[in-house]
Amino acid sequence: MLMVPSFLKSKIFELVVRFTLGWNYFPPDLDSSKSLWFSVLGQADFEKLPKMAKKYHGRAGKGGGAGICAITRDDNIFLNLVATIYGLPKPKEDCKFEAFTESDARTATWIRVFDGKLFSSKMMIKNGQLIEKFGLFSYAIQVNVDPKKNTIFYESTDCWVLGVKISKIFRMESRWKEEGTEAGWNFDGEMTSIFGKVFGYKGSFLVKQFPTE
């Protein structure tokens, strides 16, 4: 009887699974269950992530990349004050930036550097909900994945300041999307209030280092 090497059996099995589930399916990294995104989405929705996003968000540890974006904001005194409180970068076309992450199964810290100005946030899972914290502000984030559009959609649903829930009429609302590319993803999003747009950003992100522990 012909003996088939174990590595060839594994490869054949992988190809059969990909054929059955669709050729866009790729087996998850062995450490994906350690990632925040796996914890938030669960395996079924995690598998729907764009290829590069799944590879990046499916790993715990330190990673990063760089890109270019356009930063916009409506111009009035209130919005400028809010942007200062949040530590948001000033409006600029073709703004180069770097982004660094450190994550595990429960948290992910993002550090972004726009033209030398640091802006950081921390994501975490709480009661099954994704929470993103900017300084004194915390937002509940709803995440939806559309595999047909190869895009992840994010939208804030609640906001707290120092643990106190803010009424919808007074809080900032955040919406953004990330569309997968061969080397990372394109993004387009904004933070808005009843007074206008506090922060808009649109551009591309190129992965330079996948997270490693």
Protein backbone atom coordinates (compact mmCIF):
# COMPACT_ATOMS: atom_id res chain seq x y z
CA MET A 1 0.00 0.00 0.00
CA LEU A 2 1.23 3.46 -0.90
CA MET A 3 1.99 5.55 2.20
CA VAL A 4 1.01 9.22 1.92
CA PRO A 5 3.22 11.61 3.95
CA SER A 6 1.37 13.37 6.81
CA PHE A 7 2.22 16.87 5.51
CA LEU A 8 0.65 15.96 2.14
CA LYS A 9 -2.46 14.65 3.88
CA SER A 10 -2.77 17.97 5.73
CA LYS A 11 -2.38 19.95 2.50
CA ILE A 12 -4.98 17.84 0.70
CA PHE A 13 -7.37 18.28 3.63
CA GLU A 14 -6.81 22.07 3.59
CA LEU A 15 -7.55 22.22 -0.16
CA VAL A 16 -10.71 20.15 0.27
CA VAL A 17 -11.90 22.46 3.05
CA ARG A 18 -11.14 25.57 0.97
CA PHE A 19 -13.00 24.08 -2.02
CA THR A 20 -15.98 23.27 0.20
CA LEU A 21 -16.12 26.67 1.94
CA GLY A 22 -15.03 28.80 -1.01
CA TRP A 23 -11.53 29.66 -2.21
CA ASN A 24 -11.45 32.87 -0.14
CA TYR A 25 -11.26 30.70 2.98
CA PHE A 26 -7.86 30.40 4.63
CA PRO A 27 -7.21 28.37 7.80
CA PRO A 28 -6.82 30.66 10.84
CA ASP A 29 -3.46 31.05 12.54
CA LEU A 30 -3.00 28.65 15.42
CA ASP A 31 -2.82 31.56 17.86
CA SER A 32 -5.92 33.40 16.54
CA SER A 33 -7.94 32.37 19.61
CA LYS A 34 -5.55 34.56 21.63
CA SER A 35 -6.57 37.71 19.76
CA LEU A 36 -9.07 40.37 20.81
CA TRP A 37 -10.85 40.20 17.45
CA PHE A 38 -11.45 36.48 17.76
CA SER A 39 -12.90 37.10 21.23
CA VAL A 40 -15.21 39.88 19.96
CA LEU A 41 -16.40 38.32 16.71
CA GLY A 42 -16.35 34.62 17.40
CA GLN A 43 -14.95 32.13 14.90
CA ALA A 44 -17.74 32.39 12.28
CA ASP A 45 -17.48 36.18 11.81
CA PHE A 46 -13.73 36.17 12.34
CA GLU A 47 -13.39 33.95 9.27
CA LYS A 48 -15.23 36.60 7.21
CA LEU A 49 -12.59 39.29 7.83
CA PRO A 50 -10.61 40.57 4.83
CA LYS A 51 -7.48 38.46 4.33
CA MET A 52 -4.89 40.96 5.62
CA ALA A 53 -7.09 42.13 8.49
CA LYS A 54 -7.63 38.53 9.59
CA LYS A 55 -3.91 37.84 9.44
CA TYR A 56 -3.11 41.02 11.41
CA HIS A 57 -5.95 40.96 13.96
CA GLY A 58 -5.72 37.20 14.37
CA ARG A 59 -2.44 37.37 16.24
CA ALA A 60 -1.51 38.53 19.72
CA GLY A 61 1.63 40.56 20.35
CA LYS A 62 3.27 43.67 18.87
CA GLY A 63 2.81 44.80 15.28
CA GLY A 64 2.55 47.92 13.20
CA GLY A 65 2.56 49.71 9.89
CA ALA A 66 2.35 53.08 8.19
CA GLY A 67 0.23 55.00 5.76
CA ILE A 68 -1.06 58.29 4.50
CA CYS A 69 -4.40 60.00 5.09
CA ALA A 70 -6.42 63.19 4.82
CA ILE A 71 -7.53 64.63 8.18
CA THR A 72 -10.53 66.97 8.23
CA ARG A 73 -12.61 68.87 10.81
CA ASP A 74 -15.40 71.42 10.70
CA ASP A 75 -14.10 74.76 11.91
CA ASN A 76 -15.74 76.21 15.01
CA ILE A 77 -14.64 76.99 18.56
CA PHE A 78 -16.49 74.09 20.18
CA LEU A 79 -15.13 71.45 17.81
CA ASN A 80 -11.59 72.80 18.11
CA LEU A 81 -11.90 72.59 21.91
CA VAL A 82 -13.18 69.00 21.78
CA ALA A 83 -10.39 68.01 19.39
CA THR A 84 -7.86 69.46 21.84
CA ILE A 85 -9.40 67.52 24.75
CA TYR A 86 -9.25 64.28 22.74
CA GLY A 87 -5.74 65.05 21.55
CA LEU A 88 -6.78 64.73 17.91
CA PRO A 89 -4.37 65.77 15.14
CA LYS A 90 -5.01 68.96 13.18
CA PRO A 91 -6.57 68.92 9.68
CA LYS A 92 -4.09 68.15 6.92
CA GLU A 93 -4.00 66.68 3.43
CA ASP A 94 -1.56 63.86 2.71
CA CYS A 95 -0.68 63.36 6.36
CA LYS A 96 1.86 60.58 6.86
CA PHE A 97 1.41 58.43 9.94
CA GLU A 98 2.68 55.34 11.71
CA ALA A 99 0.62 52.97 13.85
CA PHE A 100 1.76 50.45 16.43
CA THR A 101 -0.32 47.84 18.24
CA GLU A 102 0.07 45.54 21.19
CA SER A 103 -2.72 43.04 21.80
CA ASP A 104 -3.85 39.89 23.55
CA ALA A 105 -7.17 38.04 23.89
CA ARG A 106 -8.76 40.83 25.97
CA THR A 107 -7.13 44.12 24.95
CA ALA A 108 -5.47 45.94 22.05
CA THR A 109 -3.56 49.21 22.42
CA TRP A 110 -3.20 51.41 19.33
CA ILE A 111 -0.54 54.13 19.21
CA ARG A 112 -0.73 56.38 16.15
CA VAL A 113 1.80 59.04 15.27
CA PHE A 114 0.60 61.79 12.91
CA ASP A 115 3.45 64.06 11.83
CA GLY A 116 5.17 63.50 15.15
CA LYS A 117 1.99 63.94 17.26
CA LEU A 118 1.02 60.87 19.28
CA PHE A 119 -2.61 59.75 19.54
CA SER A 120 -3.46 56.55 21.40
CA SER A 121 -6.49 54.46 22.28
CA LYS A 122 -7.15 51.14 23.95
CA MET A 123 -9.68 48.53 22.88
CA MET A 124 -10.99 45.90 25.25
CA ILE A 125 -13.78 43.37 25.54
CA LYS A 126 -16.30 43.85 28.33
CA ASN A 127 -19.43 41.72 28.72
CA GLY A 128 -18.96 40.53 25.16
CA GLN A 129 -18.88 44.13 23.84
CA LEU A 130 -15.94 45.88 22.18
CA ILE A 131 -15.00 49.05 24.08
CA GLU A 132 -12.54 51.68 22.85
CA LYS A 133 -11.13 54.18 25.32
CA PHE A 134 -9.65 57.61 24.50
CA GLY A 135 -8.41 59.24 27.70
CA LEU A 136 -11.48 59.94 29.86
CA PHE A 137 -13.91 58.77 27.14
CA SER A 138 -15.03 55.20 26.51
CA TYR A 139 -17.13 54.02 23.54
CA ALA A 140 -19.05 50.80 22.90
CA ILE A 141 -18.33 49.74 19.32
CA GLN A 142 -20.53 47.57 17.11
CA VAL A 143 -18.52 45.61 14.52
CA ASN A 144 -19.99 44.17 11.32
CA VAL A 145 -18.14 42.31 8.59
CA ASP A 146 -19.35 42.28 4.98
CA PRO A 147 -17.33 39.63 3.09
CA LYS A 148 -18.95 40.58 -0.24
CA LYS A 149 -17.56 44.12 0.09
CA ASN A 150 -14.35 42.85 1.74
CA THR A 151 -15.02 45.49 4.40
CA ILE A 152 -15.32 45.85 8.18
CA PHE A 153 -17.82 48.42 9.49
CA TYR A 154 -17.58 50.02 12.94
CA GLU A 155 -20.13 52.22 14.73
CA SER A 156 -20.25 53.58 18.26
CA THR A 157 -23.42 52.80 20.21
CA ASP A 158 -22.78 54.25 23.69
CA CYS A 159 -20.36 56.64 25.38
CA TRP A 160 -19.17 57.12 28.96
CA VAL A 161 -17.02 59.78 30.62
CA LEU A 162 -15.33 58.55 33.80
CA GLY A 163 -17.89 55.74 33.89
CA VAL A 164 -20.93 58.03 33.54
CA LYS A 165 -23.10 57.31 30.49
CA ILE A 166 -23.62 60.31 28.21
CA SER A 167 -26.95 61.07 26.55
CA LYS A 168 -26.95 60.55 22.77
CA ILE A 169 -27.69 64.22 22.08
CA PHE A 170 -24.47 65.30 23.84
CA ARG A 171 -22.02 62.56 22.93
CA MET A 172 -19.65 62.18 20.02
CA GLU A 173 -20.52 59.43 17.59
CA SER A 174 -17.97 57.47 15.62
CA ARG A 175 -18.34 55.54 12.36
CA TRP A 176 -15.66 54.11 10.13
CA LYS A 177 -14.91 51.30 7.72
CA GLU A 178 -11.87 49.36 6.60
CA GLU A 179 -11.72 47.79 3.15
CA GLY A 180 -9.14 45.07 2.65
CA THR A 181 -6.26 45.50 0.19
CA GLU A 182 -3.38 43.25 -0.83
CA ALA A 183 -1.01 44.92 1.65
CA GLY A 184 -3.34 46.20 4.40
CA TRP A 185 -6.57 48.17 4.20
CA ASN A 186 -8.15 51.46 3.14
CA PHE A 187 -10.09 53.33 5.82
CA ASP A 188 -12.69 56.07 5.93
CA GLY A 189 -14.30 57.36 9.10
CA GLU A 190 -15.39 60.28 11.23
CA MET A 191 -16.37 61.43 14.71
CA THR A 192 -19.35 63.77 14.78
CA SER A 193 -21.43 65.78 17.25
CA ILE A 194 -24.53 67.97 17.07
CA PHE A 195 -22.13 70.83 16.26
CA GLY A 196 -20.52 69.09 13.27
CA LYS A 197 -17.58 66.88 12.39
CA VAL A 198 -14.91 66.71 15.07
CA PHE A 199 -12.54 64.44 13.19
CA GLY A 200 -12.54 62.88 9.74
CA TYR A 201 -9.84 60.62 8.37
CA LYS A 202 -9.52 58.79 5.08
CA GLY A 203 -6.53 56.99 3.66
CA SER A 204 -4.63 53.73 3.51
CA PHE A 205 -2.69 51.56 5.95
CA LEU A 206 0.19 49.30 4.95
CA VAL A 207 1.10 46.46 7.30
CA LYS A 208 4.84 46.36 7.94
CA GLN A 209 4.97 43.91 10.82
CA PHE A 210 2.38 41.34 11.80
CA PRO A 211 1.93 40.99 15.56
CA THR A 212 4.37 38.65 17.26
CA GLU A 213 4.59 37.71 20.91
